[in-house]
PDB file of N, CA and C in Angstrom:
ATOM      1  N   MET A   1     280.415   5.250 243.757  1.00  0.00           N
ATOM      2  CA  MET A   1     280.090   5.171 244.750  1.00  0.00           C
ATOM      3  C   MET A   1     280.641   6.389 245.687  1.00  0.00           C
ATOM      4  N   PRO A   2     280.582   7.614 245.067  1.00  0.00           N
ATOM      5  CA  PRO A   2     281.116   8.951 245.512  1.00  0.00           C
ATOM      6  C   PRO A   2     280.190   9.288 246.887  1.00  0.00           C
ATOM      7  N   GLY A   3     279.073   8.933 246.885  1.00  0.00           N
ATOM      8  CA  GLY A   3     277.992   9.152 247.782  1.00  0.00           C
ATOM      9  C   GLY A   3     278.111   8.487 249.125  1.00  0.00           C
ATOM     10  N   VAL A   4     278.798   7.310 249.369  1.00  0.00           N
ATOM     11  CA  VAL A   4     279.141   6.258 250.565  1.00  0.00           C
ATOM     12  C   VAL A   4     279.544   7.445 251.693  1.00  0.00           C
ATOM     13  N   GLY A   5     280.541   8.149 251.511  1.00  0.00           N
ATOM     14  CA  GLY A   5     280.979   8.939 252.931  1.00  0.00           C
ATOM     15  C   GLY A   5     279.465   9.846 253.282  1.00  0.00           C
ATOM     16  N   VAL A   6     278.968  10.415 252.318  1.00  0.00           N
ATOM     17  CA  VAL A   6     278.234  11.602 253.088  1.00  0.00           C
ATOM     18  C   VAL A   6     277.147  10.388 253.505  1.00  0.00           C
ATOM     19  N   ARG A   7     276.646   9.325 252.877  1.00  0.00           N
ATOM     20  CA  ARG A   7     275.540   8.728 253.452  1.00  0.00           C
ATOM     21  C   ARG A   7     276.322   7.805 255.003  1.00  0.00           C
ATOM     22  N   ALA A   8     277.543   7.812 254.897  1.00  0.00           N
ATOM     23  CA  ALA A   8     277.904   7.009 256.393  1.00  0.00           C
ATOM     24  C   ALA A   8     277.895   8.217 257.412  1.00  0.00           C
ATOM     25  N   MET A   9     278.263   9.320 257.227  1.00  0.00           N
ATOM     26  CA  MET A   9     278.181  10.625 257.621  1.00  0.00           C
ATOM     27  C   MET A   9     276.585  10.851 258.568  1.00  0.00           C
ATOM     28  N   GLU A  10     275.674  11.166 257.616  1.00  0.00           N
ATOM     29  CA  GLU A  10     274.519  10.611 257.674  1.00  0.00           C
ATOM     30  C   GLU A  10     274.030  10.019 258.778  1.00  0.00           C
ATOM     31  N   HIS A  11     274.261   8.602 258.583  1.00  0.00           N
ATOM     32  CA  HIS A  11     273.855   7.518 259.603  1.00  0.00           C
ATOM     33  C   HIS A  11     274.598   7.305 261.002  1.00  0.00           C
ATOM     34  N   LEU A  12     275.802   8.094 260.854  1.00  0.00           N
ATOM     35  CA  LEU A  12     276.739   8.290 262.226  1.00  0.00           C
ATOM     36  C   LEU A  12     276.154   9.115 262.957  1.00  0.00           C
ATOM     37  N   LEU A  13     275.284  10.277 262.375  1.00  0.00           N
ATOM     38  CA  LEU A  13     274.873  11.075 263.241  1.00  0.00           C
ATOM     39  C   LEU A  13     273.452  10.769 264.077  1.00  0.00           C
ATOM     40  N   ARG A  14     272.841   9.642 263.149  1.00  0.00           N
ATOM     41  CA  ARG A  14     271.709   9.295 263.621  1.00  0.00           C
ATOM     42  C   ARG A  14     272.103   8.017 264.415  1.00  0.00           C
ATOM     43  N   ARG A  15     273.145   7.756 264.631  1.00  0.00           N
ATOM     44  CA  ARG A  15     273.679   6.347 265.370  1.00  0.00           C
ATOM     45  C   ARG A  15     273.248   5.279 264.999  1.00  0.00           C
ATOM     46  N   GLU A  16     273.257   5.376 263.600  1.00  0.00           N
ATOM     47  CA  GLU A  16     272.899   3.893 262.510  1.00  0.00           C
ATOM     48  C   GLU A  16     273.749   3.717 261.544  1.00  0.00           C
ATOM     49  N   PRO A  17     274.515   2.751 261.542  1.00  0.00           N
ATOM     50  CA  PRO A  17     275.656   2.155 260.782  1.00  0.00           C
ATOM     51  C   PRO A  17     275.210   2.006 259.099  1.00  0.00           C
ATOM     52  N   ALA A  18     275.482   2.311 258.247  1.00  0.00           N
ATOM     53  CA  ALA A  18     274.934   2.442 256.780  1.00  0.00           C
ATOM     54  C   ALA A  18     275.016   1.025 256.518  1.00  0.00           C
ATOM     55  N   ARG A  19     274.147   0.613 255.441  1.00  0.00           N
ATOM     56  CA  ARG A  19     274.629  -0.826 255.065  1.00  0.00           C
ATOM     57  C   ARG A  19     275.878  -0.468 254.511  1.00  0.00           C
ATOM     58  N   GLU A  20     276.298   0.275 253.405  1.00  0.00           N
ATOM     59  CA  GLU A  20     277.428  -0.147 252.616  1.00  0.00           C
ATOM     60  C   GLU A  20     278.572   0.135 253.502  1.00  0.00           C
ATOM     61  N   VAL A  21     278.848   0.854 254.679  1.00  0.00           N
ATOM     62  CA  VAL A  21     279.639   0.877 255.639  1.00  0.00           C
ATOM     63  C   VAL A  21     279.670  -0.497 256.471  1.00  0.00           C
ATOM     64  N   GLN A  22     278.700  -1.016 256.621  1.00  0.00           N
ATOM     65  CA  GLN A  22     278.662  -2.337 257.487  1.00  0.00           C
ATOM     66  C   GLN A  22     279.069  -3.275 256.335  1.00  0.00           C
ATOM     67  N   ALA A  23     278.798  -3.581 255.232  1.00  0.00           N
ATOM     68  CA  ALA A  23     279.343  -4.478 254.188  1.00  0.00           C
ATOM     69  C   ALA A  23     281.069  -4.212 253.845  1.00  0.00           C
ATOM     70  N   ALA A  24     281.127  -2.990 253.895  1.00  0.00           N
ATOM     71  CA  ALA A  24     282.552  -2.717 253.012  1.00  0.00           C
ATOM     72  C   ALA A  24     283.537  -2.966 254.745  1.00  0.00           C
ATOM     73  N   ALA A  25     283.307  -2.652 255.527  1.00  0.00           N
ATOM     74  CA  ALA A  25     284.177  -2.820 256.983  1.00  0.00           C
ATOM     75  C   ALA A  25     284.140  -4.224 257.526  1.00  0.00           C
ATOM     76  N   SER A  26     283.197  -4.902 257.178  1.00  0.00           N
ATOM     77  CA  SER A  26     282.916  -6.142 257.964  1.00  0.00           C
ATOM     78  C   SER A  26     283.449  -7.464 257.469  1.00  0.00           C
ATOM     79  N   ALA A  27     283.721  -7.567 255.828  1.00  0.00           N
ATOM     80  CA  ALA A  27     284.453  -8.299 255.421  1.00  0.00           C
ATOM     81  C   ALA A  27     285.945  -8.388 255.636  1.00  0.00           C
ATOM     82  N   PRO A  28     286.883  -7.165 255.504  1.00  0.00           N
ATOM     83  CA  PRO A  28     288.071  -7.404 256.052  1.00  0.00           C
ATOM     84  C   PRO A  28     288.302  -8.029 257.351  1.00  0.00           C
ATOM     85  N   ALA A  29     287.366  -7.040 258.020  1.00  0.00           N
ATOM     86  CA  ALA A  29     287.336  -7.076 259.675  1.00  0.00           C
ATOM     87  C   ALA A  29     287.217  -8.663 260.142  1.00  0.00           C
ATOM     88  N   ALA A  30     285.947  -9.579 259.285  1.00  0.00           N
ATOM     89  CA  ALA A  30     286.258 -11.017 259.276  1.00  0.00           C
ATOM     90  C   ALA A  30     286.962 -11.565 258.997  1.00  0.00           C
ATOM     91  N   LEU A  31     287.685 -11.452 258.120  1.00  0.00           N
ATOM     92  CA  LEU A  31     289.072 -12.050 257.607  1.00  0.00           C
ATOM     93  C   LEU A  31     290.112 -11.857 258.405  1.00  0.00           C
ATOM     94  N   ILE A  32     290.381 -10.730 258.954  1.00  0.00           N
ATOM     95  CA  ILE A  32     291.485 -10.591 259.783  1.00  0.00           C
ATOM     96  C   ILE A  32     291.027 -11.452 260.979  1.00  0.00           C
ATOM     97  N   MET A  33     289.629 -11.633 261.607  1.00  0.00           N
ATOM     98  CA  MET A  33     289.409 -11.984 262.887  1.00  0.00           C
ATOM     99  C   MET A  33     289.542 -13.592 262.684  1.00  0.00           C
ATOM    100  N   MET A  34     289.145 -14.261 261.635  1.00  0.00           N
ATOM    101  CA  MET A  34     289.278 -15.732 261.525  1.00  0.00           C
ATOM    102  C   MET A  34     290.900 -15.970 261.085  1.00  0.00           C
ATOM    103  N   ARG A  35     291.676 -15.163 260.383  1.00  0.00           N
ATOM    104  CA  ARG A  35     292.958 -15.518 260.414  1.00  0.00           C
ATOM    105  C   ARG A  35     293.578 -15.746 261.803  1.00  0.00           C
ATOM    106  N   ALA A  36     293.169 -14.668 262.524  1.00  0.00           N
ATOM    107  CA  ALA A  36     293.842 -14.315 263.770  1.00  0.00           C
ATOM    108  C   ALA A  36     293.183 -15.733 264.930  1.00  0.00           C
ATOM    109  N   LEU A  37     291.868 -16.043 264.582  1.00  0.00           N
ATOM    110  CA  LEU A  37     291.500 -17.420 265.450  1.00  0.00           C
ATOM    111  C   LEU A  37     292.430 -18.320 265.155  1.00  0.00           C
ATOM    112  N   ALA A  38     292.290 -18.693 263.851  1.00  0.00           N
ATOM    113  CA  ALA A  38     293.072 -19.963 263.117  1.00  0.00           C
ATOM    114  C   ALA A  38     294.526 -19.684 263.793  1.00  0.00           C
ATOM    115  N   CYS A  39     295.451 -18.768 263.571  1.00  0.00           N
ATOM    116  CA  CYS A  39     296.566 -18.466 264.372  1.00  0.00           C
ATOM    117  C   CYS A  39     296.512 -18.986 265.853  1.00  0.00           C
ATOM    118  N   LEU A  40     295.672 -18.521 266.842  1.00  0.00           N
ATOM    119  CA  LEU A  40     295.657 -18.663 267.984  1.00  0.00           C
ATOM    120  C   LEU A  40     295.415 -20.251 268.263  1.00  0.00           C
ATOM    121  N   LEU A  41     294.559 -20.815 267.340  1.00  0.00           N
ATOM    122  CA  LEU A  41     294.127 -22.133 267.713  1.00  0.00           C
ATOM    123  C   LEU A  41     295.217 -23.230 267.301  1.00  0.00           C
ATOM    124  N   LEU A  42     296.422 -22.523 266.370  1.00  0.00           N
ATOM    125  CA  LEU A  42     297.675 -23.501 266.085  1.00  0.00           C
ATOM    126  C   LEU A  42     298.222 -22.938 267.250  1.00  0.00           C
ATOM    127  N   VAL A  43     298.607 -22.294 267.666  1.00  0.00           N
ATOM    128  CA  VAL A  43     299.424 -21.695 268.620  1.00  0.00           C
ATOM    129  C   VAL A  43     299.299 -22.854 270.007  1.00  0.00           C
ATOM    130  N   LEU A  44     297.909 -22.873 270.391  1.00  0.00           N
ATOM    131  CA  LEU A  44     297.591 -23.194 271.269  1.00  0.00           C
ATOM    132  C   LEU A  44     297.334 -24.916 271.625  1.00  0.00           C
ATOM    133  N   ILE A  45     297.152 -25.394 269.899  1.00  0.00           N
ATOM    134  CA  ILE A  45     297.367 -26.941 269.820  1.00  0.00           C
ATOM    135  C   ILE A  45     298.887 -27.158 269.963  1.00  0.00           C
ATOM    136  N   THR A  46     299.926 -26.724 269.309  1.00  0.00           N
ATOM    137  CA  THR A  46     301.152 -26.596 269.551  1.00  0.00           C
ATOM    138  C   THR A  46     301.859 -26.871 271.080  1.00  0.00           C
ATOM    139  N   MET A  47     301.032 -25.387 271.916  1.00  0.00           N
ATOM    140  CA  MET A  47     301.893 -25.575 273.066  1.00  0.00           C
ATOM    141  C   MET A  47     301.064 -26.544 274.095  1.00  0.00           C
ATOM    142  N   SER A  48     300.148 -27.001 273.701  1.00  0.00           N
ATOM    143  CA  SER A  48     299.515 -28.388 274.455  1.00  0.00           C
ATOM    144  C   SER A  48     299.759 -29.838 274.077  1.00  0.00           C
ATOM    145  N   ALA A  49     300.726 -29.884 273.081  1.00  0.00           N
ATOM    146  CA  ALA A  49     300.818 -31.203 272.912  1.00  0.00           C
ATOM    147  C   ALA A  49     301.748 -31.699 273.517  1.00  0.00           C
ATOM    148  N   PRO A  50     301.573 -33.196 273.751  1.00  0.00           N
ATOM    149  CA  PRO A  50     302.350 -33.694 274.838  1.00  0.00           C
ATOM    150  C   PRO A  50     303.456 -33.975 274.611  1.00  0.00           C
ATOM    151  N   SER A  51     304.714 -33.751 275.452  1.00  0.00           N
ATOM    152  CA  SER A  51     306.192 -33.944 275.192  1.00  0.00           C
ATOM    153  C   SER A  51     306.317 -35.494 275.434  1.00  0.00           C
ATOM    154  N   PRO A  52     307.204 -36.096 274.441  1.00  0.00           N
ATOM    155  CA  PRO A  52     307.667 -37.809 274.764  1.00  0.00           C
ATOM    156  C   PRO A  52     307.955 -37.842 276.405  1.00  0.00           C
ATOM    157  N   ALA A  53     307.104 -38.938 276.784  1.00  0.00           N
ATOM    158  CA  ALA A  53     307.348 -39.289 277.982  1.00  0.00           C
ATOM    159  C   ALA A  53     308.743 -40.096 278.091  1.00  0.00           C
ATOM    160  N   ALA A  54     309.320 -39.314 279.255  1.00  0.00           N
ATOM    161  CA  ALA A  54     310.499 -40.031 279.743  1.00  0.00           C
ATOM    162  C   ALA A  54     310.740 -41.514 280.357  1.00  0.00           C
ATOM    163  N   ALA A  55     311.638 -42.400 279.985  1.00  0.00           N
ATOM    164  CA  ALA A  55     311.488 -44.056 280.263  1.00  0.00           C
ATOM    165  C   ALA A  55     311.945 -43.627 281.813  1.00  0.00           C
ATOM    166  N   GLN A  56     311.511 -45.126 282.271  1.00  0.00           N
ATOM    167  CA  GLN A  56     311.813 -45.307 283.789  1.00  0.00           C
ATOM    168  C   GLN A  56     313.881 -45.366 283.486  1.00  0.00           C
ATOM    169  N   ARG A  57     314.143 -44.359 284.416  1.00  0.00           N
ATOM    170  CA  ARG A  57     315.569 -44.334 284.535  1.00  0.00           C
ATOM    171  C   ARG A  57     316.354 -45.789 285.198  1.00  0.00           C
ATOM    172  N   PHE A  58     315.870 -45.764 286.519  1.00  0.00           N
ATOM    173  CA  PHE A  58     316.163 -46.879 287.294  1.00  0.00           C
ATOM    174  C   PHE A  58     315.733 -48.150 287.062  1.00  0.00           C
ATOM    175  N   GLY A  59     316.254 -49.084 287.375  1.00  0.00           N
ATOM    176  CA  GLY A  59     315.276 -50.550 287.295  1.00  0.00           C
ATOM    177  C   GLY A  59     316.266 -51.664 287.956  1.00  0.00           C
ATOM    178  N   GLY A  60     315.543 -52.621 288.617  1.00  0.00           N
ATOM    179  CA  GLY A  60     316.193 -53.726 288.997  1.00  0.00           C
ATOM    180  C   GLY A  60     316.429 -53.406 290.332  1.00  0.00           C
ATOM    181  N   ASN A  61     317.042 -54.152 290.792  1.00  0.00           N
ATOM    182  CA  ASN A  61     317.181 -54.359 292.408  1.00  0.00           C
ATOM    183  C   ASN A  61     318.739 -54.334 292.752  1.00  0.00           C
ATOM    184  N   SER A  62     319.419 -54.289 291.634  1.00  0.00           N
ATOM    185  CA  SER A  62     320.926 -54.286 291.571  1.00  0.00           C
ATOM    186  C   SER A  62     321.499 -52.795 292.125  1.00  0.00           C
ATOM    187  N   PRO A  63     322.338 -53.206 293.282  1.00  0.00           N
ATOM    188  CA  PRO A  63     323.260 -52.080 294.036  1.00  0.00           C
ATOM    189  C   PRO A  63     323.545 -50.614 293.305  1.00  0.00           C
ATOM    190  N   VAL A  64     324.299 -51.330 292.198  1.00  0.00           N
ATOM    191  CA  VAL A  64     325.232 -50.052 291.395  1.00  0.00           C
ATOM    192  C   VAL A  64     324.466 -49.993 289.996  1.00  0.00           C
ATOM    193  N   CYS A  65     324.582 -48.526 289.492  1.00  0.00           N
ATOM    194  CA  CYS A  65     324.015 -48.137 288.344  1.00  0.00           C
ATOM    195  C   CYS A  65     325.380 -47.842 287.382  1.00  0.00           C
ATOM    196  N   MET A  66     325.231 -47.704 286.095  1.00  0.00           N
ATOM    197  CA  MET A  66     326.271 -46.976 285.326  1.00  0.00           C
ATOM    198  C   MET A  66     325.158 -46.196 284.133  1.00  0.00           C
ATOM    199  N   GLN A  67     325.823 -44.853 284.402  1.00  0.00           N
ATOM    200  CA  GLN A  67     325.118 -43.827 283.460  1.00  0.00           C
ATOM    201  C   GLN A  67     326.046 -43.457 282.323  1.00  0.00           C
ATOM    202  N   ARG A  68     325.436 -43.712 280.918  1.00  0.00           N
ATOM    203  CA  ARG A  68     326.774 -43.425 279.761  1.00  0.00           C
ATOM    204  C   ARG A  68     326.078 -42.418 279.172  1.00  0.00           C
ATOM    205  N   TRP A  69     326.697 -41.707 278.442  1.00  0.00           N
ATOM    206  CA  TRP A  69     326.291 -40.622 277.633  1.00  0.00           C
ATOM    207  C   TRP A  69     326.777 -40.786 276.516  1.00  0.00           C
ATOM    208  N   GLU A  70     326.229 -40.400 275.509  1.00  0.00           N
ATOM    209  CA  GLU A  70     326.502 -40.704 274.223  1.00  0.00           C
ATOM    210  C   GLU A  70     326.458 -39.397 273.339  1.00  0.00           C
ATOM    211  N   TRP A  71     326.755 -39.561 272.146  1.00  0.00           N
ATOM    212  CA  TRP A  71     327.036 -38.145 271.054  1.00  0.00           C
ATOM    213  C   TRP A  71     325.359 -37.704 270.883  1.00  0.00           C
ATOM    214  N   GLY A  72     325.295 -36.358 271.090  1.00  0.00           N
ATOM    215  CA  GLY A  72     323.850 -35.696 270.741  1.00  0.00           C
ATOM    216  C   GLY A  72     323.185 -35.443 272.103  1.00  0.00           C
ATOM    217  N   GLY A  73     323.667 -35.591 273.099  1.00  0.00           N
ATOM    218  CA  GLY A  73     323.102 -35.379 274.399  1.00  0.00           C
ATOM    219  C   GLY A  73     322.754 -36.617 275.144  1.00  0.00           C
ATOM    220  N   VAL A  74     322.296 -37.752 274.647  1.00  0.00           N
ATOM    221  CA  VAL A  74     321.538 -39.011 274.804  1.00  0.00           C
ATOM    222  C   VAL A  74     322.221 -39.397 276.024  1.00  0.00           C
ATOM    223  N   THR A  75     321.716 -39.845 277.079  1.00  0.00           N
ATOM    224  CA  THR A  75     322.206 -40.671 278.166  1.00  0.00           C
ATOM    225  C   THR A  75     321.495 -41.355 278.542  1.00  0.00           C
ATOM    226  N   TRP A  76     321.855 -42.522 278.925  1.00  0.00           N
ATOM    227  CA  TRP A  76     320.878 -43.723 279.637  1.00  0.00           C
ATOM    228  C   TRP A  76     321.641 -44.292 281.070  1.00  0.00           C
ATOM    229  N   ILE A  77     320.611 -44.905 281.905  1.00  0.00           N
ATOM    230  CA  ILE A  77     321.233 -45.387 282.825  1.00  0.00           C
ATOM    231  C   ILE A  77     321.006 -47.121 282.648  1.00  0.00           C
ATOM    232  N   SER A  78     322.070 -47.846 283.261  1.00  0.00           N
ATOM    233  CA  SER A  78     321.833 -49.371 283.253  1.00  0.00           C
ATOM    234  C   SER A  78     321.687 -49.564 284.552  1.00  0.00           C
ATOM    235  N   CYS A  79     321.047 -50.041 285.408  1.00  0.00           N
ATOM    236  CA  CYS A  79     321.185 -50.753 286.890  1.00  0.00           C
ATOM    237  C   CYS A  79     320.977 -52.269 286.789  1.00  0.00           C
ATOM    238  N   GLN A  80     322.613 -52.850 286.404  1.00  0.00           N
ATOM    239  CA  GLN A  80     322.305 -54.283 286.392  1.00  0.00           C
ATOM    240  C   GLN A  80     323.658 -54.907 286.739  1.00  0.00           C
ATOM    241  N   TYR A  81     324.466 -53.874 288.058  1.00  0.00           N
ATOM    242  CA  TYR A  81     325.610 -54.126 288.114  1.00  0.00           C
ATOM    243  C   TYR A  81     325.677 -54.581 289.592  1.00  0.00           C
ATOM    244  N   ARG A  82     326.260 -55.879 290.033  1.00  0.00           N
ATOM    245  CA  ARG A  82     326.482 -56.243 291.660  1.00  0.00           C
ATOM    246  C   ARG A  82     327.531 -55.438 292.479  1.00  0.00           C
ATOM    247  N   SER A  83     328.545 -55.367 291.351  1.00  0.00           N
ATOM    248  CA  SER A  83     329.477 -54.472 292.655  1.00  0.00           C
ATOM    249  C   SER A  83     330.010 -53.127 291.515  1.00  0.00           C
ATOM    250  N   TRP A  84     330.824 -52.404 292.608  1.00  0.00           N
ATOM    251  CA  TRP A  84     331.762 -51.221 291.687  1.00  0.00           C
ATOM    252  C   TRP A  84     332.498 -51.478 291.042  1.00  0.00           C
ATOM    253  N   ASP A  85     333.310 -52.541 291.135  1.00  0.00           N
ATOM    254  CA  ASP A  85     334.211 -53.174 290.284  1.00  0.00           C
ATOM    255  C   ASP A  85     334.103 -53.671 288.815  1.00  0.00           C
ATOM    256  N   GLU A  86     332.474 -54.284 288.952  1.00  0.00           N
ATOM    257  CA  GLU A  86     332.101 -54.929 287.659  1.00  0.00           C
ATOM    258  C   GLU A  86     331.564 -53.841 287.098  1.00  0.00           C
ATOM    259  N   CYS A  87     330.984 -52.583 287.967  1.00  0.00           N
ATOM    260  CA  CYS A  87     330.621 -51.340 287.010  1.00  0.00           C
ATOM    261  C   CYS A  87     331.631 -50.934 286.314  1.00  0.00           C
ATOM    262  N   ARG A  88     332.773 -50.293 286.964  1.00  0.00           N
ATOM    263  CA  ARG A  88     333.812 -49.829 286.707  1.00  0.00           C
ATOM    264  C   ARG A  88     334.683 -50.304 285.502  1.00  0.00           C
ATOM    265  N   ALA A  89     334.491 -52.000 285.255  1.00  0.00           N
ATOM    266  CA  ALA A  89     335.163 -52.439 284.492  1.00  0.00           C
ATOM    267  C   ALA A  89     334.309 -52.277 283.094  1.00  0.00           C
ATOM    268  N   SER A  90     332.942 -52.283 283.052  1.00  0.00           N
ATOM    269  CA  SER A  90     332.114 -51.920 282.012  1.00  0.00           C
ATOM    270  C   SER A  90     332.260 -50.547 281.780  1.00  0.00           C
ATOM    271  N   ALA A  91     332.244 -49.624 282.606  1.00  0.00           N
ATOM    272  CA  ALA A  91     332.436 -48.366 282.355  1.00  0.00           C
ATOM    273  C   ALA A  91     333.939 -47.724 281.508  1.00  0.00           C
ATOM    274  N   ALA A  92     334.873 -48.782 281.676  1.00  0.00           N
ATOM    275  CA  ALA A  92     336.504 -48.300 281.132  1.00  0.00           C
ATOM    276  C   ALA A  92     336.375 -47.869 279.729  1.00  0.00           C
ATOM    277  N   GLY A  93     336.916 -46.780 279.574  1.00  0.00           N
ATOM    278  CA  GLY A  93     337.018 -46.251 277.822  1.00  0.00           C
ATOM    279  C   GLY A  93     335.746 -45.597 277.526  1.00  0.00           C
ATOM    280  N   LEU A  94     334.856 -45.743 278.635  1.00  0.00           N
ATOM    281  CA  LEU A  94     333.434 -44.877 277.482  1.00  0.00           C
ATOM    282  C   LEU A  94     333.374 -43.595 278.434  1.00  0.00           C
ATOM    283  N   SER A  95     332.154 -42.905 277.933  1.00  0.00           N
ATOM    284  CA  SER A  95     331.734 -41.648 278.860  1.00  0.00           C
ATOM    285  C   SER A  95     330.795 -42.099 279.666  1.00  0.00           C
ATOM    286  N   ALA A  96     331.027 -42.709 280.663  1.00  0.00           N
ATOM    287  CA  ALA A  96     330.306 -43.251 281.571  1.00  0.00           C
ATOM    288  C   ALA A  96     330.808 -43.123 283.273  1.00  0.00           C
ATOM    289  N   MET A  97     329.827 -43.502 283.960  1.00  0.00           N
ATOM    290  CA  MET A  97     330.187 -43.115 285.454  1.00  0.00           C
ATOM    291  C   MET A  97     329.172 -44.388 286.006  1.00  0.00           C
ATOM    292  N   CYS A  98     329.918 -44.631 287.329  1.00  0.00           N
ATOM    293  CA  CYS A  98     328.884 -45.560 288.255  1.00  0.00           C
ATOM    294  C   CYS A  98     328.374 -44.895 289.484  1.00  0.00           C
ATOM    295  N   MET A  99     327.301 -45.271 289.698  1.00  0.00           N
ATOM    296  CA  MET A  99     326.577 -44.409 290.885  1.00  0.00           C
ATOM    297  C   MET A  99     325.754 -45.403 291.668  1.00  0.00           C
ATOM    298  N   ASP A 100     325.318 -45.276 292.957  1.00  0.00           N
ATOM    299  CA  ASP A 100     324.419 -46.057 293.704  1.00  0.00           C
ATOM    300  C   ASP A 100     323.005 -46.045 293.125  1.00  0.00           C
ATOM    301  N   ASN A 101     322.470 -47.356 293.030  1.00  0.00           N
ATOM    302  CA  ASN A 101     320.791 -47.307 292.529  1.00  0.00           C
ATOM    303  C   ASN A 101     319.959 -46.934 293.789  1.00  0.00           C
ATOM    304  N   PRO A 102     319.499 -45.829 293.424  1.00  0.00           N
ATOM    305  CA  PRO A 102     318.565 -44.889 294.529  1.00  0.00           C
ATOM    306  C   PRO A 102     317.522 -45.613 294.922  1.00  0.00           C
ATOM    307  N   TYR A 103     317.063 -46.446 293.966  1.00  0.00           N
ATOM    308  CA  TYR A 103     315.722 -47.302 293.913  1.00  0.00           C
ATOM    309  C   TYR A 103     316.175 -48.886 294.681  1.00  0.00           C
ATOM    310  N   ALA A 104     317.243 -49.095 294.702  1.00  0.00           N
ATOM    311  CA  ALA A 104     317.723 -50.401 294.892  1.00  0.00           C
ATOM    312  C   ALA A 104     316.898 -50.783 296.744  1.00  0.00           C
ATOM    313  N   GLN A 105     316.582 -52.178 296.930  1.00  0.00           N
ATOM    314  CA  GLN A 105     316.464 -52.011 298.259  1.00  0.00           C
ATOM    315  C   GLN A 105     317.297 -52.480 299.232  1.00  0.00           C
ATOM    316  N   ARG A 106     317.617 -51.572 300.221  1.00  0.00           N
ATOM    317  CA  ARG A 106     318.747 -51.965 301.016  1.00  0.00           C
ATOM    318  C   ARG A 106     318.270 -52.754 302.196  1.00  0.00           C
ATOM    319  N   PRO A 107     319.267 -53.711 302.542  1.00  0.00           N
ATOM    320  CA  PRO A 107     318.966 -54.578 303.926  1.00  0.00           C
ATOM    321  C   PRO A 107     318.632 -53.510 304.913  1.00  0.00           C
ATOM    322  N   LEU A 108     317.762 -53.724 305.562  1.00  0.00           N
ATOM    323  CA  LEU A 108     317.626 -52.946 306.994  1.00  0.00           C
ATOM    324  C   LEU A 108     318.316 -52.966 307.978  1.00  0.00           C
ATOM    325  N   HIS A 109     318.761 -51.836 308.324  1.00  0.00           N
ATOM    326  CA  HIS A 109     319.830 -51.846 309.436  1.00  0.00           C
ATOM    327  C   HIS A 109     319.190 -51.788 311.015  1.00  0.00           C
ATOM    328  N   PRO A 110     319.257 -52.725 311.573  1.00  0.00           N
ATOM    329  CA  PRO A 110     318.242 -52.448 313.009  1.00  0.00           C
ATOM    330  C   PRO A 110     319.197 -51.141 313.596  1.00  0.00           C
ATOM    331  N   GLU A 111     318.060 -50.511 314.411  1.00  0.00           N
ATOM    332  CA  GLU A 111     318.011 -49.350 314.998  1.00  0.00           C
ATOM    333  C   GLU A 111     318.937 -49.889 316.290  1.00  0.00           C
ATOM    334  N   ARG A 112     319.821 -49.025 316.621  1.00  0.00           N
ATOM    335  CA  ARG A 112     320.785 -49.281 318.062  1.00  0.00           C
ATOM    336  C   ARG A 112     319.887 -48.474 319.179  1.00  0.00           C
ATOM    337  N   SER A 113     320.084 -49.362 320.211  1.00  0.00           N
ATOM    338  CA  SER A 113     319.088 -48.885 321.056  1.00  0.00           C
ATOM    339  C   SER A 113     320.380 -48.084 322.188  1.00  0.00           C
ATOM    340  N   PRO A 114     319.632 -47.147 322.804  1.00  0.00           N
ATOM    341  CA  PRO A 114     320.818 -46.319 323.647  1.00  0.00           C
ATOM    342  C   PRO A 114     321.277 -46.934 324.768  1.00  0.00           C
ATOM    343  N   ARG A 115     322.362 -46.883 324.976  1.00  0.00           N
ATOM    344  CA  ARG A 115     323.577 -47.367 325.960  1.00  0.00           C
ATOM    345  C   ARG A 115     322.862 -47.241 327.403  1.00  0.00           C
ATOM    346  N   SER A 116     322.929 -47.951 328.391  1.00  0.00           N
ATOM    347  CA  SER A 116     322.646 -47.248 329.409  1.00  0.00           C
ATOM    348  C   SER A 116     324.031 -47.174 330.323  1.00  0.00           C
ATOM    349  N   ARG A 117     324.031 -46.345 331.111  1.00  0.00           N
ATOM    350  CA  ARG A 117     325.172 -46.014 332.246  1.00  0.00           C
ATOM    351  C   ARG A 117     325.016 -46.806 333.351  1.00  0.00           C
TER     352      ARG A 117
END
């Protein structure tokens, strides 16, 4: 195929791509394009995969919660304590701390009326 270069130049001058040039150039280009699309599709699927849903961290209507840490960065919160002393007794010796349950329903405090002078 020594004459392919000359034929390609003739077709380029006429602005018509040679069939040999089209066939030789399109096979590797199509292969590269297909591989690039496959990689792009894999990246898009990986990035759009949903992450694990976080569980509800606070539950119940108890006023005190205990947050506990375990090896590997795992943490969990248990809201089952009626008093701070009960929570502190359970947390003794553990890597844990007691805290207010932000979702517990508190008794409503009546609003104060302004004092009259």
